[in-house]
Amino acid sequence: MLTILQRQKLGHTDFAHKSAFSAQTSSGRMRKQNLKNDGMSDRIDAMSEIDQKLDPPLMRPQASLRTSKSDRTRAAILNAALEFIWVHPFRDLTVNKLMASTGLSRSAFYQYFRDLHDLMESLLDLLKGEVYVVTDPWFEGVGDPVARLNESLAGLVDVCFRLGPILRAASDASTTDATFERAWVQFIEQFDDAITARIEADQAQGLIPELDARFMALTLNRLDVYTLLRAFGQEPRSKPETVHETLARVWISTLYGNNWLESGSSDLVRI
């Protein structure tokens, strides 16, 4: 029952079956975009430019999918956006600046995205997909819950170390667009729900003491968001080892007790 609940809350099943793009070094999910019919000539122009001006993408179509020029163009635009927000705040991003860095025409952008907030939603989906994968051990794993939690936090820190600017840009973008604000809030609240369910399930097995599961989930989740955004949202980034150690200390001691802090594992058993 918990597995079904967690997958429903996190959209994990959709991610597993509908993933269209991945990061180069790990699996991830990005929302599929329908091409807009903005004129055949613009589409032909965008496709003809791609062979001459596209570098190997950091985000690329999965090997299992047929790689099209459309996929590669969209990946190139997303790569350029990710590179931009490593150095600049989201408020400085414009379509002209973005497309100039790709060498593609401005009109090519609108073949794939309605506007910059729509593009940011795709980048947020990339982050979601990676976070879903690395946090799965604690949400759905059996055995030692402390070890599973420690593993998930290590994975979360690694993902945000690589993609941290997406967190910062998404937080900034949510203040200027109502539609994207809903996407950002939903992203956070999905994890509120999943953490609540996991705490309640572990409480039912006597692994976590009596406490308000919902309020604790809200507190821990927002601690993560703020900490990871500050640590990895821009250069210079904090040391990932320090961030992982800090988050693990807070989560483990709060949920499972201080006895397991040094080892990062326990003799507790989740079934």
C-alpha atoms as a PDB file:
ATOM      1  CA  MET A   1       0.000   0.000   0.000  1.00  0.00           C
ATOM      2  CA  LEU A   2       2.818   2.411   0.844  1.00  0.00           C
ATOM      3  CA  THR A   3       4.568   1.804  -2.449  1.00  0.00           C
ATOM      4  CA  ILE A   4       1.417   2.624  -4.392  1.00  0.00           C
ATOM      5  CA  LEU A   5       0.805   5.703  -2.262  1.00  0.00           C
ATOM      6  CA  GLN A   6       4.332   6.998  -2.689  1.00  0.00           C
ATOM      7  CA  ARG A   7       4.302   6.503  -6.425  1.00  0.00           C
ATOM      8  CA  GLN A   8       0.956   8.247  -6.739  1.00  0.00           C
ATOM      9  CA  LYS A   9       2.138  11.229  -4.727  1.00  0.00           C
ATOM     10  CA  LEU A  10       5.485  11.590  -6.472  1.00  0.00           C
ATOM     11  CA  GLY A  11       4.351  10.778  -9.991  1.00  0.00           C
ATOM     12  CA  HIS A  12       7.009   8.059  -9.982  1.00  0.00           C
ATOM     13  CA  THR A  13       5.151   5.711 -12.307  1.00  0.00           C
ATOM     14  CA  ASP A  14       4.700   8.399 -14.944  1.00  0.00           C
ATOM     15  CA  PHE A  15       8.357   9.213 -14.649  1.00  0.00           C
ATOM     16  CA  ALA A  16       9.410   5.632 -15.194  1.00  0.00           C
ATOM     17  CA  HIS A  17       7.293   5.123 -18.289  1.00  0.00           C
ATOM     18  CA  LYS A  18       7.166   8.552 -19.919  1.00  0.00           C
ATOM     19  CA  SER A  19      10.688   9.877 -19.550  1.00  0.00           C
ATOM     20  CA  ALA A  20      11.805  11.663 -22.692  1.00  0.00           C
ATOM     21  CA  PHE A  21      15.198  13.044 -21.741  1.00  0.00           C
ATOM     22  CA  SER A  22      17.978  12.248 -19.268  1.00  0.00           C
ATOM     23  CA  ALA A  23      21.078  13.887 -17.863  1.00  0.00           C
ATOM     24  CA  GLN A  24      24.291  12.556 -19.373  1.00  0.00           C
ATOM     25  CA  THR A  25      25.485  10.827 -16.206  1.00  0.00           C
ATOM     26  CA  SER A  26      22.256   9.623 -14.613  1.00  0.00           C
ATOM     27  CA  SER A  27      18.640   8.930 -15.344  1.00  0.00           C
ATOM     28  CA  GLY A  28      16.119  11.746 -15.090  1.00  0.00           C
ATOM     29  CA  ARG A  29      12.814  12.913 -16.401  1.00  0.00           C
ATOM     30  CA  MET A  30      11.826  15.888 -18.457  1.00  0.00           C
ATOM     31  CA  ARG A  31       8.310  16.800 -19.463  1.00  0.00           C
ATOM     32  CA  LYS A  32       7.508  16.145 -23.124  1.00  0.00           C
ATOM     33  CA  GLN A  33       6.727  19.230 -25.164  1.00  0.00           C
ATOM     34  CA  ASN A  34       4.422  19.347 -28.171  1.00  0.00           C
ATOM     35  CA  LEU A  35       5.800  21.319 -31.073  1.00  0.00           C
ATOM     36  CA  LYS A  36       3.743  24.382 -31.881  1.00  0.00           C
ATOM     37  CA  ASN A  37       2.631  25.007 -35.407  1.00  0.00           C
ATOM     38  CA  ASP A  38       4.089  28.495 -35.737  1.00  0.00           C
ATOM     39  CA  GLY A  39       4.750  28.249 -39.446  1.00  0.00           C
ATOM     40  CA  MET A  40       6.430  25.666 -41.601  1.00  0.00           C
ATOM     41  CA  SER A  41       9.193  28.003 -42.707  1.00  0.00           C
ATOM     42  CA  ASP A  42      10.341  28.689 -39.128  1.00  0.00           C
ATOM     43  CA  ARG A  43      10.372  24.998 -38.385  1.00  0.00           C
ATOM     44  CA  ILE A  44      12.442  24.231 -41.454  1.00  0.00           C
ATOM     45  CA  ASP A  45      14.871  27.036 -40.581  1.00  0.00           C
ATOM     46  CA  ALA A  46      15.331  25.707 -37.048  1.00  0.00           C
ATOM     47  CA  MET A  47      15.905  22.172 -38.243  1.00  0.00           C
ATOM     48  CA  SER A  48      18.372  23.196 -40.955  1.00  0.00           C
ATOM     49  CA  GLU A  49      20.486  25.159 -38.459  1.00  0.00           C
ATOM     50  CA  ILE A  50      20.863  22.289 -36.064  1.00  0.00           C
ATOM     51  CA  ASP A  51      23.349  20.192 -38.036  1.00  0.00           C
ATOM     52  CA  GLN A  52      25.818  23.066 -38.228  1.00  0.00           C
ATOM     53  CA  LYS A  53      25.552  24.623 -34.764  1.00  0.00           C
ATOM     54  CA  LEU A  54      24.711  22.013 -32.133  1.00  0.00           C
ATOM     55  CA  ASP A  55      27.358  20.784 -29.728  1.00  0.00           C
ATOM     56  CA  PRO A  56      26.949  17.423 -27.956  1.00  0.00           C
ATOM     57  CA  PRO A  57      24.186  18.088 -25.411  1.00  0.00           C
ATOM     58  CA  LEU A  58      24.554  17.763 -21.662  1.00  0.00           C
ATOM     59  CA  MET A  59      20.954  16.587 -21.716  1.00  0.00           C
ATOM     60  CA  ARG A  60      20.282  14.228 -24.548  1.00  0.00           C
ATOM     61  CA  PRO A  61      17.523  11.966 -25.860  1.00  0.00           C
ATOM     62  CA  GLN A  62      17.661   8.531 -24.304  1.00  0.00           C
ATOM     63  CA  ALA A  63      19.476   5.898 -26.285  1.00  0.00           C
ATOM     64  CA  SER A  64      16.302   3.816 -26.377  1.00  0.00           C
ATOM     65  CA  LEU A  65      14.476   6.557 -28.257  1.00  0.00           C
ATOM     66  CA  ARG A  66      15.006   7.540 -31.863  1.00  0.00           C
ATOM     67  CA  THR A  67      17.110  10.675 -31.774  1.00  0.00           C
ATOM     68  CA  SER A  68      15.550  13.361 -33.928  1.00  0.00           C
ATOM     69  CA  LYS A  69      16.706  16.845 -34.825  1.00  0.00           C
ATOM     70  CA  SER A  70      13.752  18.109 -32.825  1.00  0.00           C
ATOM     71  CA  ASP A  71      14.958  16.300 -29.700  1.00  0.00           C
ATOM     72  CA  ARG A  72      18.485  17.576 -30.165  1.00  0.00           C
ATOM     73  CA  THR A  73      17.368  21.149 -30.713  1.00  0.00           C
ATOM     74  CA  ARG A  74      15.248  21.162 -27.581  1.00  0.00           C
ATOM     75  CA  ALA A  75      18.090  19.642 -25.570  1.00  0.00           C
ATOM     76  CA  ALA A  76      20.473  22.307 -26.872  1.00  0.00           C
ATOM     77  CA  ILE A  77      18.146  25.081 -25.724  1.00  0.00           C
ATOM     78  CA  LEU A  78      17.785  23.524 -22.276  1.00  0.00           C
ATOM     79  CA  ASN A  79      21.549  23.070 -22.008  1.00  0.00           C
ATOM     80  CA  ALA A  80      22.079  26.717 -22.857  1.00  0.00           C
ATOM     81  CA  ALA A  81      19.549  27.774 -20.222  1.00  0.00           C
ATOM     82  CA  LEU A  82      21.224  25.616 -17.589  1.00  0.00           C
ATOM     83  CA  GLU A  83      24.619  27.078 -18.441  1.00  0.00           C
ATOM     84  CA  PHE A  84      23.183  30.610 -18.227  1.00  0.00           C
ATOM     85  CA  ILE A  85      21.650  30.191 -14.780  1.00  0.00           C
ATOM     86  CA  TRP A  86      24.922  28.837 -13.431  1.00  0.00           C
ATOM     87  CA  VAL A  87      26.320  32.332 -13.859  1.00  0.00           C
ATOM     88  CA  HIS A  88      23.354  34.704 -13.969  1.00  0.00           C
ATOM     89  CA  PRO A  89      20.053  35.089 -12.083  1.00  0.00           C
ATOM     90  CA  PHE A  90      16.881  34.054 -13.875  1.00  0.00           C
ATOM     91  CA  ARG A  91      15.715  37.669 -14.110  1.00  0.00           C
ATOM     92  CA  ASP A  92      18.590  38.394 -16.528  1.00  0.00           C
ATOM     93  CA  LEU A  93      17.589  35.633 -18.940  1.00  0.00           C
ATOM     94  CA  THR A  94      15.925  36.667 -22.198  1.00  0.00           C
ATOM     95  CA  VAL A  95      15.030  34.662 -25.276  1.00  0.00           C
ATOM     96  CA  ASN A  96      17.477  36.716 -27.332  1.00  0.00           C
ATOM     97  CA  LYS A  97      20.382  36.038 -24.959  1.00  0.00           C
ATOM     98  CA  LEU A  98      19.512  32.367 -24.698  1.00  0.00           C
ATOM     99  CA  MET A  99      19.236  31.708 -28.410  1.00  0.00           C
ATOM    100  CA  ALA A 100      22.333  33.759 -29.204  1.00  0.00           C
ATOM    101  CA  SER A 101      24.321  31.343 -27.059  1.00  0.00           C
ATOM    102  CA  THR A 102      22.993  28.354 -29.024  1.00  0.00           C
ATOM    103  CA  GLY A 103      23.595  29.837 -32.462  1.00  0.00           C
ATOM    104  CA  LEU A 104      19.990  29.037 -33.360  1.00  0.00           C
ATOM    105  CA  SER A 105      17.335  31.482 -34.483  1.00  0.00           C
ATOM    106  CA  ARG A 106      15.060  33.195 -31.964  1.00  0.00           C
ATOM    107  CA  SER A 107      12.038  31.653 -33.666  1.00  0.00           C
ATOM    108  CA  ALA A 108      13.379  28.172 -32.884  1.00  0.00           C
ATOM    109  CA  PHE A 109      12.750  28.804 -29.185  1.00  0.00           C
ATOM    110  CA  TYR A 110       9.013  29.132 -29.724  1.00  0.00           C
ATOM    111  CA  GLN A 111       8.845  25.804 -31.510  1.00  0.00           C
ATOM    112  CA  TYR A 112       9.411  24.168 -28.107  1.00  0.00           C
ATOM    113  CA  PHE A 113       8.467  26.591 -25.329  1.00  0.00           C
ATOM    114  CA  ARG A 114       5.710  29.146 -24.787  1.00  0.00           C
ATOM    115  CA  ASP A 115       8.013  31.431 -22.827  1.00  0.00           C
ATOM    116  CA  LEU A 116      10.925  31.369 -20.398  1.00  0.00           C
ATOM    117  CA  HIS A 117       8.754  30.156 -17.531  1.00  0.00           C
ATOM    118  CA  ASP A 118       7.667  27.209 -19.654  1.00  0.00           C
ATOM    119  CA  LEU A 119      11.337  26.434 -20.236  1.00  0.00           C
ATOM    120  CA  MET A 120      11.970  26.672 -16.490  1.00  0.00           C
ATOM    121  CA  GLU A 121       9.221  24.143 -15.882  1.00  0.00           C
ATOM    122  CA  SER A 122      11.084  21.710 -18.127  1.00  0.00           C
ATOM    123  CA  LEU A 123      14.288  22.273 -16.168  1.00  0.00           C
ATOM    124  CA  LEU A 124      12.368  21.744 -12.933  1.00  0.00           C
ATOM    125  CA  ASP A 125      11.060  18.469 -14.366  1.00  0.00           C
ATOM    126  CA  LEU A 126      14.649  17.402 -14.994  1.00  0.00           C
ATOM    127  CA  LEU A 127      15.482  18.084 -11.364  1.00  0.00           C
ATOM    128  CA  LYS A 128      12.351  16.244 -10.205  1.00  0.00           C
ATOM    129  CA  GLY A 129      13.218  13.171 -12.211  1.00  0.00           C
ATOM    130  CA  GLU A 130      16.689  12.915 -10.729  1.00  0.00           C
ATOM    131  CA  VAL A 131      15.467  13.554  -7.191  1.00  0.00           C
ATOM    132  CA  TYR A 132      12.772  10.871  -7.542  1.00  0.00           C
ATOM    133  CA  VAL A 133      15.389   8.279  -8.424  1.00  0.00           C
ATOM    134  CA  VAL A 134      17.916   9.025  -5.689  1.00  0.00           C
ATOM    135  CA  THR A 135      15.381   9.354  -2.851  1.00  0.00           C
ATOM    136  CA  ASP A 136      13.604   6.117  -3.698  1.00  0.00           C
ATOM    137  CA  PRO A 137      15.657   4.018  -1.205  1.00  0.00           C
ATOM    138  CA  TRP A 138      14.202   5.823   1.815  1.00  0.00           C
ATOM    139  CA  PHE A 139      10.689   6.253   0.456  1.00  0.00           C
ATOM    140  CA  GLU A 140      10.257   2.671  -0.701  1.00  0.00           C
ATOM    141  CA  GLY A 141      13.179   0.588   0.507  1.00  0.00           C
ATOM    142  CA  VAL A 142      13.080  -2.125   3.148  1.00  0.00           C
ATOM    143  CA  GLY A 143      15.659  -3.126   5.735  1.00  0.00           C
ATOM    144  CA  ASP A 144      17.568  -0.521   7.720  1.00  0.00           C
ATOM    145  CA  PRO A 145      15.649   2.789   7.436  1.00  0.00           C
ATOM    146  CA  VAL A 146      18.592   4.837   8.714  1.00  0.00           C
ATOM    147  CA  ALA A 147      20.912   3.462   6.044  1.00  0.00           C
ATOM    148  CA  ARG A 148      18.242   4.000   3.397  1.00  0.00           C
ATOM    149  CA  LEU A 149      17.753   7.591   4.585  1.00  0.00           C
ATOM    150  CA  ASN A 150      21.484   8.266   4.593  1.00  0.00           C
ATOM    151  CA  GLU A 151      21.771   6.860   1.071  1.00  0.00           C
ATOM    152  CA  SER A 152      18.896   8.999  -0.175  1.00  0.00           C
ATOM    153  CA  LEU A 153      20.297  12.174   1.360  1.00  0.00           C
ATOM    154  CA  ALA A 154      23.686  11.495  -0.221  1.00  0.00           C
ATOM    155  CA  GLY A 155      21.997  11.105  -3.593  1.00  0.00           C
ATOM    156  CA  LEU A 156      19.941  14.255  -3.078  1.00  0.00           C
ATOM    157  CA  VAL A 157      23.048  16.269  -2.276  1.00  0.00           C
ATOM    158  CA  ASP A 158      24.812  14.910  -5.368  1.00  0.00           C
ATOM    159  CA  VAL A 159      21.901  15.835  -7.656  1.00  0.00           C
ATOM    160  CA  CYS A 160      21.602  19.336  -6.241  1.00  0.00           C
ATOM    161  CA  PHE A 161      25.361  19.861  -6.385  1.00  0.00           C
ATOM    162  CA  ARG A 162      25.112  19.282 -10.147  1.00  0.00           C
ATOM    163  CA  LEU A 163      21.767  20.970 -10.779  1.00  0.00           C
ATOM    164  CA  GLY A 164      21.521  23.452  -7.919  1.00  0.00           C
ATOM    165  CA  PRO A 165      21.027  26.535 -10.121  1.00  0.00           C
ATOM    166  CA  ILE A 166      17.692  25.059 -11.195  1.00  0.00           C
ATOM    167  CA  LEU A 167      16.539  25.336  -7.585  1.00  0.00           C
ATOM    168  CA  ARG A 168      17.604  28.964  -7.364  1.00  0.00           C
ATOM    169  CA  ALA A 169      16.151  29.906 -10.753  1.00  0.00           C
ATOM    170  CA  ALA A 170      12.897  28.062 -10.043  1.00  0.00           C
ATOM    171  CA  SER A 171      12.488  29.845  -6.734  1.00  0.00           C
ATOM    172  CA  ASP A 172      13.108  33.197  -8.434  1.00  0.00           C
ATOM    173  CA  ALA A 173      10.836  32.417 -11.396  1.00  0.00           C
ATOM    174  CA  SER A 174       7.970  31.443  -9.097  1.00  0.00           C
ATOM    175  CA  THR A 175       7.666  35.049  -7.934  1.00  0.00           C
ATOM    176  CA  THR A 176       7.001  36.421 -11.425  1.00  0.00           C
ATOM    177  CA  ASP A 177       4.596  33.942 -13.035  1.00  0.00           C
ATOM    178  CA  ALA A 178       1.450  32.459 -11.482  1.00  0.00           C
ATOM    179  CA  THR A 179       1.520  29.280 -13.576  1.00  0.00           C
ATOM    180  CA  PHE A 180       5.109  28.504 -12.699  1.00  0.00           C
ATOM    181  CA  GLU A 181       4.467  29.398  -9.068  1.00  0.00           C
ATOM    182  CA  ARG A 182       1.906  26.572  -8.994  1.00  0.00           C
ATOM    183  CA  ALA A 183       4.446  24.176 -10.509  1.00  0.00           C
ATOM    184  CA  TRP A 184       7.049  25.166  -7.913  1.00  0.00           C
ATOM    185  CA  VAL A 185       4.613  24.840  -5.011  1.00  0.00           C
ATOM    186  CA  GLN A 186       3.431  21.474  -6.331  1.00  0.00           C
ATOM    187  CA  PHE A 187       7.040  20.280  -6.556  1.00  0.00           C
ATOM    188  CA  ILE A 188       7.582  21.067  -2.875  1.00  0.00           C
ATOM    189  CA  GLU A 189       4.197  19.791  -1.710  1.00  0.00           C
ATOM    190  CA  GLN A 190       4.631  16.443  -3.470  1.00  0.00           C
ATOM    191  CA  PHE A 191       7.569  15.803  -1.180  1.00  0.00           C
ATOM    192  CA  ASP A 192       5.622  17.089   1.834  1.00  0.00           C
ATOM    193  CA  ASP A 193       3.050  14.386   1.126  1.00  0.00           C
ATOM    194  CA  ALA A 194       5.580  11.640   0.494  1.00  0.00           C
ATOM    195  CA  ILE A 195       7.648  12.418   3.598  1.00  0.00           C
ATOM    196  CA  THR A 196       4.488  12.514   5.714  1.00  0.00           C
ATOM    197  CA  ALA A 197       3.413   9.103   4.433  1.00  0.00           C
ATOM    198  CA  ARG A 198       6.867   7.614   5.033  1.00  0.00           C
ATOM    199  CA  ILE A 199       7.049   8.944   8.590  1.00  0.00           C
ATOM    200  CA  GLU A 200       3.564   7.637   9.380  1.00  0.00           C
ATOM    201  CA  ALA A 201       4.412   4.217   7.958  1.00  0.00           C
ATOM    202  CA  ASP A 202       7.617   3.999   9.998  1.00  0.00           C
ATOM    203  CA  GLN A 203       5.708   5.123  13.080  1.00  0.00           C
ATOM    204  CA  ALA A 204       3.260   2.283  12.516  1.00  0.00           C
ATOM    205  CA  GLN A 205       6.218  -0.121  12.631  1.00  0.00           C
ATOM    206  CA  GLY A 206       7.603   1.478  15.798  1.00  0.00           C
ATOM    207  CA  LEU A 207      10.665   2.880  14.026  1.00  0.00           C
ATOM    208  CA  ILE A 208       9.912   6.579  14.573  1.00  0.00           C
ATOM    209  CA  PRO A 209       8.556   7.908  17.888  1.00  0.00           C
ATOM    210  CA  GLU A 210       5.234   9.657  18.259  1.00  0.00           C
ATOM    211  CA  LEU A 211       5.294  13.116  16.710  1.00  0.00           C
ATOM    212  CA  ASP A 212       3.210  15.178  14.305  1.00  0.00           C
ATOM    213  CA  ALA A 213       4.207  13.541  11.029  1.00  0.00           C
ATOM    214  CA  ARG A 214       2.804  16.262   8.801  1.00  0.00           C
ATOM    215  CA  PHE A 215       4.383  19.187  10.583  1.00  0.00           C
ATOM    216  CA  MET A 216       7.692  17.348  10.823  1.00  0.00           C
ATOM    217  CA  ALA A 217       7.579  16.612   7.087  1.00  0.00           C
ATOM    218  CA  LEU A 218       6.957  20.276   6.270  1.00  0.00           C
ATOM    219  CA  THR A 219       9.828  21.334   8.504  1.00  0.00           C
ATOM    220  CA  LEU A 220      12.372  18.845   7.169  1.00  0.00           C
ATOM    221  CA  ASN A 221      11.420  19.373   3.544  1.00  0.00           C
ATOM    222  CA  ARG A 222      11.715  23.139   3.715  1.00  0.00           C
ATOM    223  CA  LEU A 223      14.988  22.816   5.574  1.00  0.00           C
ATOM    224  CA  ASP A 224      16.268  20.759   2.643  1.00  0.00           C
ATOM    225  CA  VAL A 225      15.039  23.200   0.003  1.00  0.00           C
ATOM    226  CA  TYR A 226      16.539  26.243   1.694  1.00  0.00           C
ATOM    227  CA  THR A 227      19.816  24.526   2.577  1.00  0.00           C
ATOM    228  CA  LEU A 228      20.369  23.035  -0.878  1.00  0.00           C
ATOM    229  CA  LEU A 229      19.434  26.282  -2.606  1.00  0.00           C
ATOM    230  CA  ARG A 230      21.902  28.260  -0.499  1.00  0.00           C
ATOM    231  CA  ALA A 231      24.634  25.626  -0.741  1.00  0.00           C
ATOM    232  CA  PHE A 232      24.484  24.856  -4.457  1.00  0.00           C
ATOM    233  CA  GLY A 233      22.347  27.530  -6.126  1.00  0.00           C
ATOM    234  CA  GLN A 234      25.332  29.477  -7.399  1.00  0.00           C
ATOM    235  CA  GLU A 235      29.108  29.525  -7.419  1.00  0.00           C
ATOM    236  CA  PRO A 236      31.040  29.095  -5.231  1.00  0.00           C
ATOM    237  CA  ARG A 237      29.233  25.985  -4.081  1.00  0.00           C
ATOM    238  CA  SER A 238      29.533  24.525  -0.594  1.00  0.00           C
ATOM    239  CA  LYS A 239      31.329  21.239  -0.050  1.00  0.00           C
ATOM    240  CA  PRO A 240      28.823  18.437  -0.702  1.00  0.00           C
ATOM    241  CA  GLU A 241      30.299  16.313   2.097  1.00  0.00           C
ATOM    242  CA  THR A 242      29.551  19.038   4.635  1.00  0.00           C
ATOM    243  CA  VAL A 243      26.010  19.526   3.371  1.00  0.00           C
ATOM    244  CA  HIS A 244      25.304  15.786   3.429  1.00  0.00           C
ATOM    245  CA  GLU A 245      26.705  15.397   6.936  1.00  0.00           C
ATOM    246  CA  THR A 246      24.615  18.302   8.209  1.00  0.00           C
ATOM    247  CA  LEU A 247      21.343  17.149   6.652  1.00  0.00           C
ATOM    248  CA  ALA A 248      21.922  13.543   7.722  1.00  0.00           C
ATOM    249  CA  ARG A 249      22.552  14.624  11.311  1.00  0.00           C
ATOM    250  CA  VAL A 250      19.296  16.592  11.424  1.00  0.00           C
ATOM    251  CA  TRP A 251      17.139  13.958   9.710  1.00  0.00           C
ATOM    252  CA  ILE A 252      18.523  10.886  11.474  1.00  0.00           C
ATOM    253  CA  SER A 253      18.541  12.372  14.976  1.00  0.00           C
ATOM    254  CA  THR A 254      15.067  13.848  14.538  1.00  0.00           C
ATOM    255  CA  LEU A 255      13.387  10.742  13.161  1.00  0.00           C
ATOM    256  CA  TYR A 256      15.360   7.756  14.429  1.00  0.00           C
ATOM    257  CA  GLY A 257      17.430   9.039  17.361  1.00  0.00           C
ATOM    258  CA  ASN A 258      21.009  10.043  18.133  1.00  0.00           C
ATOM    259  CA  ASN A 259      22.338   6.496  18.500  1.00  0.00           C
ATOM    260  CA  TRP A 260      22.888   6.087  14.761  1.00  0.00           C
ATOM    261  CA  LEU A 261      24.539   9.406  13.913  1.00  0.00           C
ATOM    262  CA  GLU A 262      28.139   8.256  13.729  1.00  0.00           C
ATOM    263  CA  SER A 263      27.593   5.092  11.727  1.00  0.00           C
ATOM    264  CA  GLY A 264      24.815   6.346   9.462  1.00  0.00           C
ATOM    265  CA  SER A 265      23.137   2.964   9.846  1.00  0.00           C
ATOM    266  CA  SER A 266      21.207   1.114  12.530  1.00  0.00           C
ATOM    267  CA  ASP A 267      19.898  -2.244  13.674  1.00  0.00           C
ATOM    268  CA  LEU A 268      16.336  -1.117  12.974  1.00  0.00           C
ATOM    269  CA  VAL A 269      14.438  -3.152  10.397  1.00  0.00           C
ATOM    270  CA  ARG A 270      11.680  -1.882   8.133  1.00  0.00           C
ATOM    271  CA  ILE A 271       9.479  -4.500   6.501  1.00  0.00           C
END
